[in-house]
PDB file of N, CA and C in Angstrom:
ATOM      1  N   MET A   1       2.824  -4.546   7.914  1.00  0.00           N
ATOM      2  CA  MET A   1       3.757  -5.087   6.223  1.00  0.00           C
ATOM      3  C   MET A   1       4.715  -5.732   6.375  1.00  0.00           C
ATOM      4  N   ALA A   2       3.931  -7.028   5.396  1.00  0.00           N
ATOM      5  CA  ALA A   2       5.781  -8.258   5.275  1.00  0.00           C
ATOM      6  C   ALA A   2       5.397  -8.066   3.574  1.00  0.00           C
ATOM      7  N   ASP A   3       6.674  -8.436   3.338  1.00  0.00           N
ATOM      8  CA  ASP A   3       7.132  -8.548   1.983  1.00  0.00           C
ATOM      9  C   ASP A   3       7.569 -10.078   1.757  1.00  0.00           C
ATOM     10  N   SER A   4       6.869 -11.114   1.829  1.00  0.00           N
ATOM     11  CA  SER A   4       7.542 -12.421   1.134  1.00  0.00           C
ATOM     12  C   SER A   4       8.368 -12.454   0.320  1.00  0.00           C
ATOM     13  N   LEU A   5       9.000 -11.565  -0.603  1.00  0.00           N
ATOM     14  CA  LEU A   5       9.796 -11.699  -1.806  1.00  0.00           C
ATOM     15  C   LEU A   5      10.950 -11.171  -1.377  1.00  0.00           C
ATOM     16  N   ALA A   6      11.468 -10.994  -0.720  1.00  0.00           N
ATOM     17  CA  ALA A   6      12.598 -10.456  -0.090  1.00  0.00           C
ATOM     18  C   ALA A   6      13.342  -9.683  -0.911  1.00  0.00           C
ATOM     19  N   ASP A   7      13.022  -8.530  -1.455  1.00  0.00           N
ATOM     20  CA  ASP A   7      13.693  -8.308  -2.962  1.00  0.00           C
ATOM     21  C   ASP A   7      14.262  -6.550  -2.225  1.00  0.00           C
ATOM     22  N   SER A   8      15.118  -6.653  -2.698  1.00  0.00           N
ATOM     23  CA  SER A   8      16.088  -5.050  -2.069  1.00  0.00           C
ATOM     24  C   SER A   8      15.732  -4.059  -3.143  1.00  0.00           C
ATOM     25  N   LEU A   9      14.993  -4.155  -4.222  1.00  0.00           N
ATOM     26  CA  LEU A   9      15.420  -3.290  -5.462  1.00  0.00           C
ATOM     27  C   LEU A   9      14.004  -2.075  -5.006  1.00  0.00           C
ATOM     28  N   GLY A  10      13.489  -0.837  -5.170  1.00  0.00           N
ATOM     29  CA  GLY A  10      12.924  -0.197  -5.415  1.00  0.00           C
ATOM     30  C   GLY A  10      12.640   0.135  -3.583  1.00  0.00           C
ATOM     31  N   VAL A  11      11.307   0.858  -3.625  1.00  0.00           N
ATOM     32  CA  VAL A  11      11.266   1.182  -1.915  1.00  0.00           C
ATOM     33  C   VAL A  11       9.606   0.797  -1.402  1.00  0.00           C
ATOM     34  N   VAL A  12       9.011   0.236  -0.727  1.00  0.00           N
ATOM     35  CA  VAL A  12       7.849  -0.154  -0.562  1.00  0.00           C
ATOM     36  C   VAL A  12       6.772   1.002  -0.416  1.00  0.00           C
ATOM     37  N   ARG A  13       5.642   1.304  -0.763  1.00  0.00           N
ATOM     38  CA  ARG A  13       4.929   2.027  -0.507  1.00  0.00           C
ATOM     39  C   ARG A  13       3.453   2.018  -0.492  1.00  0.00           C
ATOM     40  N   VAL A  14       2.958   2.249   0.463  1.00  0.00           N
ATOM     41  CA  VAL A  14       1.593   2.361   0.711  1.00  0.00           C
ATOM     42  C   VAL A  14       1.179   2.946   0.005  1.00  0.00           C
ATOM     43  N   LEU A  15      -0.587   2.690  -0.827  1.00  0.00           N
ATOM     44  CA  LEU A  15      -1.663   3.814  -1.353  1.00  0.00           C
ATOM     45  C   LEU A  15      -2.809   3.975  -0.597  1.00  0.00           C
ATOM     46  N   ALA A  16      -3.561   4.793  -0.332  1.00  0.00           N
ATOM     47  CA  ALA A  16      -4.822   4.733  -0.075  1.00  0.00           C
ATOM     48  C   ALA A  16      -5.112   5.768  -1.149  1.00  0.00           C
ATOM     49  N   VAL A  17      -6.052   5.172  -1.387  1.00  0.00           N
ATOM     50  CA  VAL A  17      -7.585   5.920  -1.974  1.00  0.00           C
ATOM     51  C   VAL A  17      -8.933   5.489  -1.820  1.00  0.00           C
ATOM     52  N   ALA A  18      -9.617   7.035  -1.743  1.00  0.00           N
ATOM     53  CA  ALA A  18     -10.840   6.924  -0.721  1.00  0.00           C
ATOM     54  C   ALA A  18     -11.768   6.118  -1.877  1.00  0.00           C
ATOM     55  N   ALA A  19     -12.264   5.884  -1.333  1.00  0.00           N
ATOM     56  CA  ALA A  19     -13.608   4.680  -1.886  1.00  0.00           C
ATOM     57  C   ALA A  19     -14.814   5.712  -2.733  1.00  0.00           C
ATOM     58  N   ALA A  20     -15.110   7.271  -1.788  1.00  0.00           N
ATOM     59  CA  ALA A  20     -15.981   7.492  -2.602  1.00  0.00           C
ATOM     60  C   ALA A  20     -15.720   8.996  -3.120  1.00  0.00           C
ATOM     61  N   ASP A  21     -13.974   9.145  -3.429  1.00  0.00           N
ATOM     62  CA  ASP A  21     -13.741   9.993  -4.435  1.00  0.00           C
ATOM     63  C   ASP A  21     -12.134   9.603  -4.515  1.00  0.00           C
ATOM     64  N   SER A  22     -12.138   8.898  -5.967  1.00  0.00           N
ATOM     65  CA  SER A  22     -10.220   8.587  -6.021  1.00  0.00           C
ATOM     66  C   SER A  22      -9.497   9.346  -6.335  1.00  0.00           C
ATOM     67  N   THR A  23     -10.036  10.845  -6.115  1.00  0.00           N
ATOM     68  CA  THR A  23      -9.101  11.800  -6.549  1.00  0.00           C
ATOM     69  C   THR A  23      -8.173  12.319  -4.797  1.00  0.00           C
ATOM     70  N   LEU A  24      -9.002  11.447  -3.962  1.00  0.00           N
ATOM     71  CA  LEU A  24      -8.527  11.600  -2.335  1.00  0.00           C
ATOM     72  C   LEU A  24      -7.512  10.524  -2.366  1.00  0.00           C
ATOM     73  N   ARG A  25      -6.022  10.676  -1.911  1.00  0.00           N
ATOM     74  CA  ARG A  25      -4.992   9.762  -1.594  1.00  0.00           C
ATOM     75  C   ARG A  25      -4.019  10.021  -1.021  1.00  0.00           C
ATOM     76  N   ALA A  26      -3.411   9.141  -0.352  1.00  0.00           N
ATOM     77  CA  ALA A  26      -2.428   9.179   0.179  1.00  0.00           C
ATOM     78  C   ALA A  26      -1.439   8.410   0.258  1.00  0.00           C
ATOM     79  N   LEU A  27      -0.167   8.329   0.496  1.00  0.00           N
ATOM     80  CA  LEU A  27       0.769   7.621   0.500  1.00  0.00           C
ATOM     81  C   LEU A  27       2.305   7.829   1.526  1.00  0.00           C
ATOM     82  N   ALA A  28       2.413   6.877   1.538  1.00  0.00           N
ATOM     83  CA  ALA A  28       3.708   6.594   2.917  1.00  0.00           C
ATOM     84  C   ALA A  28       4.500   5.332   2.566  1.00  0.00           C
ATOM     85  N   ASP A  29       5.624   6.110   2.674  1.00  0.00           N
ATOM     86  CA  ASP A  29       6.381   4.658   2.556  1.00  0.00           C
ATOM     87  C   ASP A  29       6.698   3.953   3.617  1.00  0.00           C
ATOM     88  N   VAL A  30       7.502   2.662   3.478  1.00  0.00           N
ATOM     89  CA  VAL A  30       7.389   1.628   4.877  1.00  0.00           C
ATOM     90  C   VAL A  30       8.857   1.969   5.340  1.00  0.00           C
ATOM     91  N   ASP A  31       8.646   1.801   6.848  1.00  0.00           N
ATOM     92  CA  ASP A  31      10.006   2.061   7.176  1.00  0.00           C
ATOM     93  C   ASP A  31      10.977   0.737   7.428  1.00  0.00           C
ATOM     94  N   ALA A  32      11.778   0.589   8.222  1.00  0.00           N
ATOM     95  CA  ALA A  32      12.594  -0.406   8.118  1.00  0.00           C
ATOM     96  C   ALA A  32      12.117  -1.496   8.991  1.00  0.00           C
ATOM     97  N   GLU A  33      10.897  -0.838  10.012  1.00  0.00           N
ATOM     98  CA  GLU A  33      10.578  -2.359  10.986  1.00  0.00           C
ATOM     99  C   GLU A  33       9.005  -2.699  10.225  1.00  0.00           C
ATOM    100  N   ARG A  34       9.292  -2.355   8.400  1.00  0.00           N
ATOM    101  CA  ARG A  34       7.868  -2.326   7.851  1.00  0.00           C
ATOM    102  C   ARG A  34       6.693  -1.621   8.961  1.00  0.00           C
ATOM    103  N   GLY A  35       6.451  -0.790   9.416  1.00  0.00           N
ATOM    104  CA  GLY A  35       5.385  -0.391   9.375  1.00  0.00           C
ATOM    105  C   GLY A  35       5.486   1.033   8.404  1.00  0.00           C
ATOM    106  N   PHE A  36       4.042   1.683   8.827  1.00  0.00           N
ATOM    107  CA  PHE A  36       3.864   2.619   7.992  1.00  0.00           C
ATOM    108  C   PHE A  36       2.763   3.566   8.843  1.00  0.00           C
ATOM    109  N   GLU A  37       2.201   4.758   8.699  1.00  0.00           N
ATOM    110  CA  GLU A  37       1.516   5.501   9.439  1.00  0.00           C
ATOM    111  C   GLU A  37       0.410   6.603   8.144  1.00  0.00           C
ATOM    112  N   LEU A  38      -0.064   6.814   8.227  1.00  0.00           N
ATOM    113  CA  LEU A  38      -1.000   7.479   6.833  1.00  0.00           C
ATOM    114  C   LEU A  38      -2.302   8.372   8.006  1.00  0.00           C
ATOM    115  N   GLU A  39      -2.223   9.927   7.424  1.00  0.00           N
ATOM    116  CA  GLU A  39      -3.508  10.049   7.633  1.00  0.00           C
ATOM    117  C   GLU A  39      -4.785  10.371   6.960  1.00  0.00           C
ATOM    118  N   LEU A  40      -6.239   9.762   7.413  1.00  0.00           N
ATOM    119  CA  LEU A  40      -6.975   9.846   6.404  1.00  0.00           C
ATOM    120  C   LEU A  40      -8.244  10.401   6.773  1.00  0.00           C
ATOM    121  N   ARG A  41      -8.851  11.026   6.326  1.00  0.00           N
ATOM    122  CA  ARG A  41     -10.718  11.432   6.677  1.00  0.00           C
ATOM    123  C   ARG A  41     -11.051  10.205   6.952  1.00  0.00           C
ATOM    124  N   ALA A  42     -11.724  10.560   7.821  1.00  0.00           N
ATOM    125  CA  ALA A  42     -12.470   9.040   8.328  1.00  0.00           C
ATOM    126  C   ALA A  42     -13.985   8.971   6.960  1.00  0.00           C
ATOM    127  N   GLY A  43     -14.027   7.346   6.479  1.00  0.00           N
ATOM    128  CA  GLY A  43     -15.049   6.636   5.416  1.00  0.00           C
ATOM    129  C   GLY A  43     -14.228   5.889   5.014  1.00  0.00           C
ATOM    130  N   ASP A  44     -14.631   5.012   4.375  1.00  0.00           N
ATOM    131  CA  ASP A  44     -13.989   3.913   3.140  1.00  0.00           C
ATOM    132  C   ASP A  44     -13.148   3.829   2.369  1.00  0.00           C
ATOM    133  N   TRP A  45     -11.537   3.272   2.694  1.00  0.00           N
ATOM    134  CA  TRP A  45     -10.659   3.700   1.731  1.00  0.00           C
ATOM    135  C   TRP A  45     -10.271   2.382   1.355  1.00  0.00           C
ATOM    136  N   TRP A  46      -9.570   2.079  -0.120  1.00  0.00           N
ATOM    137  CA  TRP A  46      -8.587   1.014  -0.755  1.00  0.00           C
ATOM    138  C   TRP A  46      -7.341   1.158  -0.553  1.00  0.00           C
ATOM    139  N   VAL A  47      -6.676  -0.107   0.531  1.00  0.00           N
ATOM    140  CA  VAL A  47      -5.505   0.423   0.156  1.00  0.00           C
ATOM    141  C   VAL A  47      -4.613  -0.793  -0.129  1.00  0.00           C
ATOM    142  N   ARG A  48      -3.461  -0.652  -0.776  1.00  0.00           N
ATOM    143  CA  ARG A  48      -2.289  -1.947  -0.885  1.00  0.00           C
ATOM    144  C   ARG A  48      -0.956  -1.338  -0.821  1.00  0.00           C
ATOM    145  N   ALA A  49      -0.436  -1.790  -0.387  1.00  0.00           N
ATOM    146  CA  ALA A  49       1.796  -1.807  -0.927  1.00  0.00           C
ATOM    147  C   ALA A  49       2.180  -1.917  -1.999  1.00  0.00           C
ATOM    148  N   PHE A  50       2.686  -1.775  -2.089  1.00  0.00           N
ATOM    149  CA  PHE A  50       3.661  -2.112  -3.725  1.00  0.00           C
ATOM    150  C   PHE A  50       5.094  -1.443  -3.588  1.00  0.00           C
ATOM    151  N   ARG A  51       6.069  -1.977  -4.113  1.00  0.00           N
ATOM    152  CA  ARG A  51       7.289  -2.349  -4.427  1.00  0.00           C
ATOM    153  C   ARG A  51       7.611  -1.375  -5.472  1.00  0.00           C
ATOM    154  N   ASP A  52       7.942   0.003  -5.344  1.00  0.00           N
ATOM    155  CA  ASP A  52       8.358   1.257  -5.873  1.00  0.00           C
ATOM    156  C   ASP A  52       9.765   1.292  -7.141  1.00  0.00           C
ATOM    157  N   ALA A  53       9.308  -0.073  -8.259  1.00  0.00           N
ATOM    158  CA  ALA A  53      10.949  -0.260  -8.435  1.00  0.00           C
ATOM    159  C   ALA A  53      11.367   1.163  -9.066  1.00  0.00           C
ATOM    160  N   ASP A  54      10.750   1.790  -9.585  1.00  0.00           N
ATOM    161  CA  ASP A  54      11.430   3.129 -10.662  1.00  0.00           C
ATOM    162  C   ASP A  54      11.315   4.264  -9.753  1.00  0.00           C
ATOM    163  N   ARG A  55      10.947   4.140  -8.156  1.00  0.00           N
ATOM    164  CA  ARG A  55      10.630   5.380  -7.358  1.00  0.00           C
ATOM    165  C   ARG A  55      10.000   6.367  -8.037  1.00  0.00           C
ATOM    166  N   ASN A  56       9.047   6.287  -8.379  1.00  0.00           N
ATOM    167  CA  ASN A  56       8.408   7.184  -9.265  1.00  0.00           C
ATOM    168  C   ASN A  56       6.980   7.563  -8.786  1.00  0.00           C
ATOM    169  N   ARG A  57       6.559   7.141  -7.371  1.00  0.00           N
ATOM    170  CA  ARG A  57       5.660   7.377  -6.435  1.00  0.00           C
ATOM    171  C   ARG A  57       4.804   7.284  -6.572  1.00  0.00           C
ATOM    172  N   GLY A  58       4.438   6.158  -7.903  1.00  0.00           N
ATOM    173  CA  GLY A  58       2.911   5.680  -8.452  1.00  0.00           C
ATOM    174  C   GLY A  58       3.192   4.215  -8.641  1.00  0.00           C
ATOM    175  N   TRP A  59       1.847   3.111  -8.175  1.00  0.00           N
ATOM    176  CA  TRP A  59       2.200   1.798  -8.719  1.00  0.00           C
ATOM    177  C   TRP A  59       2.217   1.865 -10.691  1.00  0.00           C
ATOM    178  N   GLU A  60       2.907   0.688 -10.657  1.00  0.00           N
ATOM    179  CA  GLU A  60       2.953   0.009 -12.355  1.00  0.00           C
ATOM    180  C   GLU A  60       2.298  -1.026 -12.340  1.00  0.00           C
ATOM    181  N   ARG A  61       0.845  -1.125 -12.652  1.00  0.00           N
ATOM    182  CA  ARG A  61       0.247  -2.463 -12.553  1.00  0.00           C
ATOM    183  C   ARG A  61       0.917  -4.010 -13.322  1.00  0.00           C
ATOM    184  N   GLU A  62       2.123  -3.238 -14.168  1.00  0.00           N
ATOM    185  CA  GLU A  62       2.569  -4.514 -14.990  1.00  0.00           C
ATOM    186  C   GLU A  62       3.691  -4.748 -14.312  1.00  0.00           C
ATOM    187  N   SER A  63       4.168  -4.071 -13.955  1.00  0.00           N
ATOM    188  CA  SER A  63       5.781  -4.252 -13.696  1.00  0.00           C
ATOM    189  C   SER A  63       6.168  -4.390 -12.251  1.00  0.00           C
ATOM    190  N   GLU A  64       5.059  -3.551 -11.207  1.00  0.00           N
ATOM    191  CA  GLU A  64       5.390  -3.387  -9.820  1.00  0.00           C
ATOM    192  C   GLU A  64       4.346  -5.040  -8.836  1.00  0.00           C
ATOM    193  N   ARG A  65       5.224  -5.160  -8.237  1.00  0.00           N
ATOM    194  CA  ARG A  65       4.310  -6.262  -7.366  1.00  0.00           C
ATOM    195  C   ARG A  65       3.705  -5.442  -6.008  1.00  0.00           C
ATOM    196  N   ALA A  66       2.707  -5.834  -6.007  1.00  0.00           N
ATOM    197  CA  ALA A  66       1.567  -5.931  -4.548  1.00  0.00           C
ATOM    198  C   ALA A  66       0.863  -6.589  -3.787  1.00  0.00           C
ATOM    199  N   SER A  67       0.681  -5.724  -2.797  1.00  0.00           N
ATOM    200  CA  SER A  67      -0.301  -6.643  -2.219  1.00  0.00           C
ATOM    201  C   SER A  67      -1.971  -6.803  -2.581  1.00  0.00           C
ATOM    202  N   GLU A  68      -2.894  -7.514  -1.938  1.00  0.00           N
ATOM    203  CA  GLU A  68      -3.960  -8.045  -2.301  1.00  0.00           C
ATOM    204  C   GLU A  68      -4.878  -6.079  -1.872  1.00  0.00           C
ATOM    205  N   LEU A  69      -5.853  -5.916  -3.030  1.00  0.00           N
ATOM    206  CA  LEU A  69      -6.259  -4.531  -2.358  1.00  0.00           C
ATOM    207  C   LEU A  69      -7.338  -4.612  -1.019  1.00  0.00           C
ATOM    208  N   VAL A  70      -7.307  -3.869   0.104  1.00  0.00           N
ATOM    209  CA  VAL A  70      -7.952  -4.296   1.245  1.00  0.00           C
ATOM    210  C   VAL A  70      -8.752  -3.045   1.573  1.00  0.00           C
ATOM    211  N   ARG A  71     -10.019  -3.163   1.473  1.00  0.00           N
ATOM    212  CA  ARG A  71     -10.729  -1.916   2.370  1.00  0.00           C
ATOM    213  C   ARG A  71     -10.881  -1.703   3.779  1.00  0.00           C
ATOM    214  N   VAL A  72     -10.881  -0.301   3.968  1.00  0.00           N
ATOM    215  CA  VAL A  72     -10.668  -0.135   5.056  1.00  0.00           C
ATOM    216  C   VAL A  72     -11.529   1.218   5.085  1.00  0.00           C
ATOM    217  N   ARG A  73     -12.045   0.683   6.974  1.00  0.00           N
ATOM    218  CA  ARG A  73     -12.977   1.411   7.293  1.00  0.00           C
ATOM    219  C   ARG A  73     -12.516   2.842   8.154  1.00  0.00           C
ATOM    220  N   ILE A  74     -12.569   4.096   8.096  1.00  0.00           N
ATOM    221  CA  ILE A  74     -11.604   4.827   8.886  1.00  0.00           C
ATOM    222  C   ILE A  74     -12.950   5.115   9.993  1.00  0.00           C
ATOM    223  N   GLU A  75     -13.040   5.036  11.303  1.00  0.00           N
ATOM    224  CA  GLU A  75     -13.541   6.158  11.983  1.00  0.00           C
ATOM    225  C   GLU A  75     -13.343   7.643  12.858  1.00  0.00           C
ATOM    226  N   PRO A  76     -14.179   8.426  12.726  1.00  0.00           N
ATOM    227  CA  PRO A  76     -13.521   9.416  12.998  1.00  0.00           C
ATOM    228  C   PRO A  76     -12.790   9.986  14.594  1.00  0.00           C
ATOM    229  N   ALA A  77     -12.117  10.299  14.161  1.00  0.00           N
ATOM    230  CA  ALA A  77     -10.927  10.322  15.646  1.00  0.00           C
ATOM    231  C   ALA A  77     -10.161   8.553  15.732  1.00  0.00           C
ATOM    232  N   GLY A  78     -10.352   8.075  15.272  1.00  0.00           N
ATOM    233  CA  GLY A  78      -9.969   6.531  15.197  1.00  0.00           C
ATOM    234  C   GLY A  78      -8.779   6.037  14.932  1.00  0.00           C
ATOM    235  N   THR A  79      -8.196   5.226  15.554  1.00  0.00           N
ATOM    236  CA  THR A  79      -7.478   4.317  14.395  1.00  0.00           C
ATOM    237  C   THR A  79      -7.163   2.885  13.852  1.00  0.00           C
ATOM    238  N   THR A  80      -6.769   2.667  12.792  1.00  0.00           N
ATOM    239  CA  THR A  80      -6.562   1.220  12.165  1.00  0.00           C
ATOM    240  C   THR A  80      -5.562   0.540  12.101  1.00  0.00           C
ATOM    241  N   GLU A  81      -5.430  -0.721  12.290  1.00  0.00           N
ATOM    242  CA  GLU A  81      -4.361  -1.762  11.767  1.00  0.00           C
ATOM    243  C   GLU A  81      -4.495  -2.247  10.581  1.00  0.00           C
ATOM    244  N   VAL A  82      -3.433  -2.777   9.564  1.00  0.00           N
ATOM    245  CA  VAL A  82      -3.339  -2.950   8.416  1.00  0.00           C
ATOM    246  C   VAL A  82      -2.537  -3.969   8.135  1.00  0.00           C
ATOM    247  N   GLN A  83      -2.408  -4.877   7.836  1.00  0.00           N
ATOM    248  CA  GLN A  83      -1.901  -5.948   7.830  1.00  0.00           C
ATOM    249  C   GLN A  83      -1.449  -6.231   5.976  1.00  0.00           C
ATOM    250  N   LEU A  84      -1.005  -5.912   5.284  1.00  0.00           N
ATOM    251  CA  LEU A  84      -0.260  -5.407   3.703  1.00  0.00           C
ATOM    252  C   LEU A  84       0.590  -7.197   3.540  1.00  0.00           C
ATOM    253  N   VAL A  85       0.589  -7.723   2.410  1.00  0.00           N
ATOM    254  CA  VAL A  85       1.368  -9.022   2.513  1.00  0.00           C
ATOM    255  C   VAL A  85       1.940  -8.825   0.186  1.00  0.00           C
ATOM    256  N   LEU A  86       3.647  -8.112   0.624  1.00  0.00           N
ATOM    257  CA  LEU A  86       3.557  -8.047  -1.183  1.00  0.00           C
ATOM    258  C   LEU A  86       3.695  -9.612  -1.471  1.00  0.00           C
ATOM    259  N   ARG A  87       3.586 -10.111  -2.670  1.00  0.00           N
ATOM    260  CA  ARG A  87       3.402 -11.573  -3.112  1.00  0.00           C
ATOM    261  C   ARG A  87       4.031 -11.273  -4.597  1.00  0.00           C
ATOM    262  N   ARG A  88       4.179 -12.310  -4.986  1.00  0.00           N
ATOM    263  CA  ARG A  88       4.497 -12.354  -6.094  1.00  0.00           C
ATOM    264  C   ARG A  88       3.034 -12.870  -6.769  1.00  0.00           C
ATOM    265  N   GLU A  89       3.104 -12.707  -8.225  1.00  0.00           N
ATOM    266  CA  GLU A  89       2.241 -12.767  -8.710  1.00  0.00           C
ATOM    267  C   GLU A  89       2.570 -14.080  -9.818  1.00  0.00           C
ATOM    268  N   PRO A  90       0.758 -14.845  -9.469  1.00  0.00           N
ATOM    269  CA  PRO A  90       1.553 -16.249  -9.820  1.00  0.00           C
ATOM    270  C   PRO A  90       1.656 -16.371 -11.629  1.00  0.00           C
ATOM    271  N   GLY A  91       2.639 -16.902 -12.108  1.00  0.00           N
ATOM    272  CA  GLY A  91       3.135 -17.137 -13.305  1.00  0.00           C
ATOM    273  C   GLY A  91       3.819 -15.639 -13.258  1.00  0.00           C
ATOM    274  N   GLY A  92       4.393 -14.850 -12.508  1.00  0.00           N
ATOM    275  CA  GLY A  92       5.531 -13.784 -12.339  1.00  0.00           C
ATOM    276  C   GLY A  92       6.513 -14.371 -12.405  1.00  0.00           C
ATOM    277  N   PRO A  93       7.315 -13.510 -12.813  1.00  0.00           N
ATOM    278  CA  PRO A  93       8.745 -13.486 -12.052  1.00  0.00           C
ATOM    279  C   PRO A  93       9.490 -13.765 -11.073  1.00  0.00           C
TER     280      PRO A  93
END
């Protein structure tokens, strides 16, 4: 996880949503070494990092910066590494 914004407000979190069932979600905090770990079922997942400025554990599209949305395939009993980068939105503050 890389943060190109060098912003200390809020908590950086990673949200994963199952591609086949959006009610299946997982959330993890990014640690001091900029790492995170999620345990996900096998299948396709949409993953993004975001800075949770209000610390409500949910991403606010209009006010909280986020990484690009990445589709990840999780194999049974497998591990996958994902690199996410928080970036300032074009035209944003």
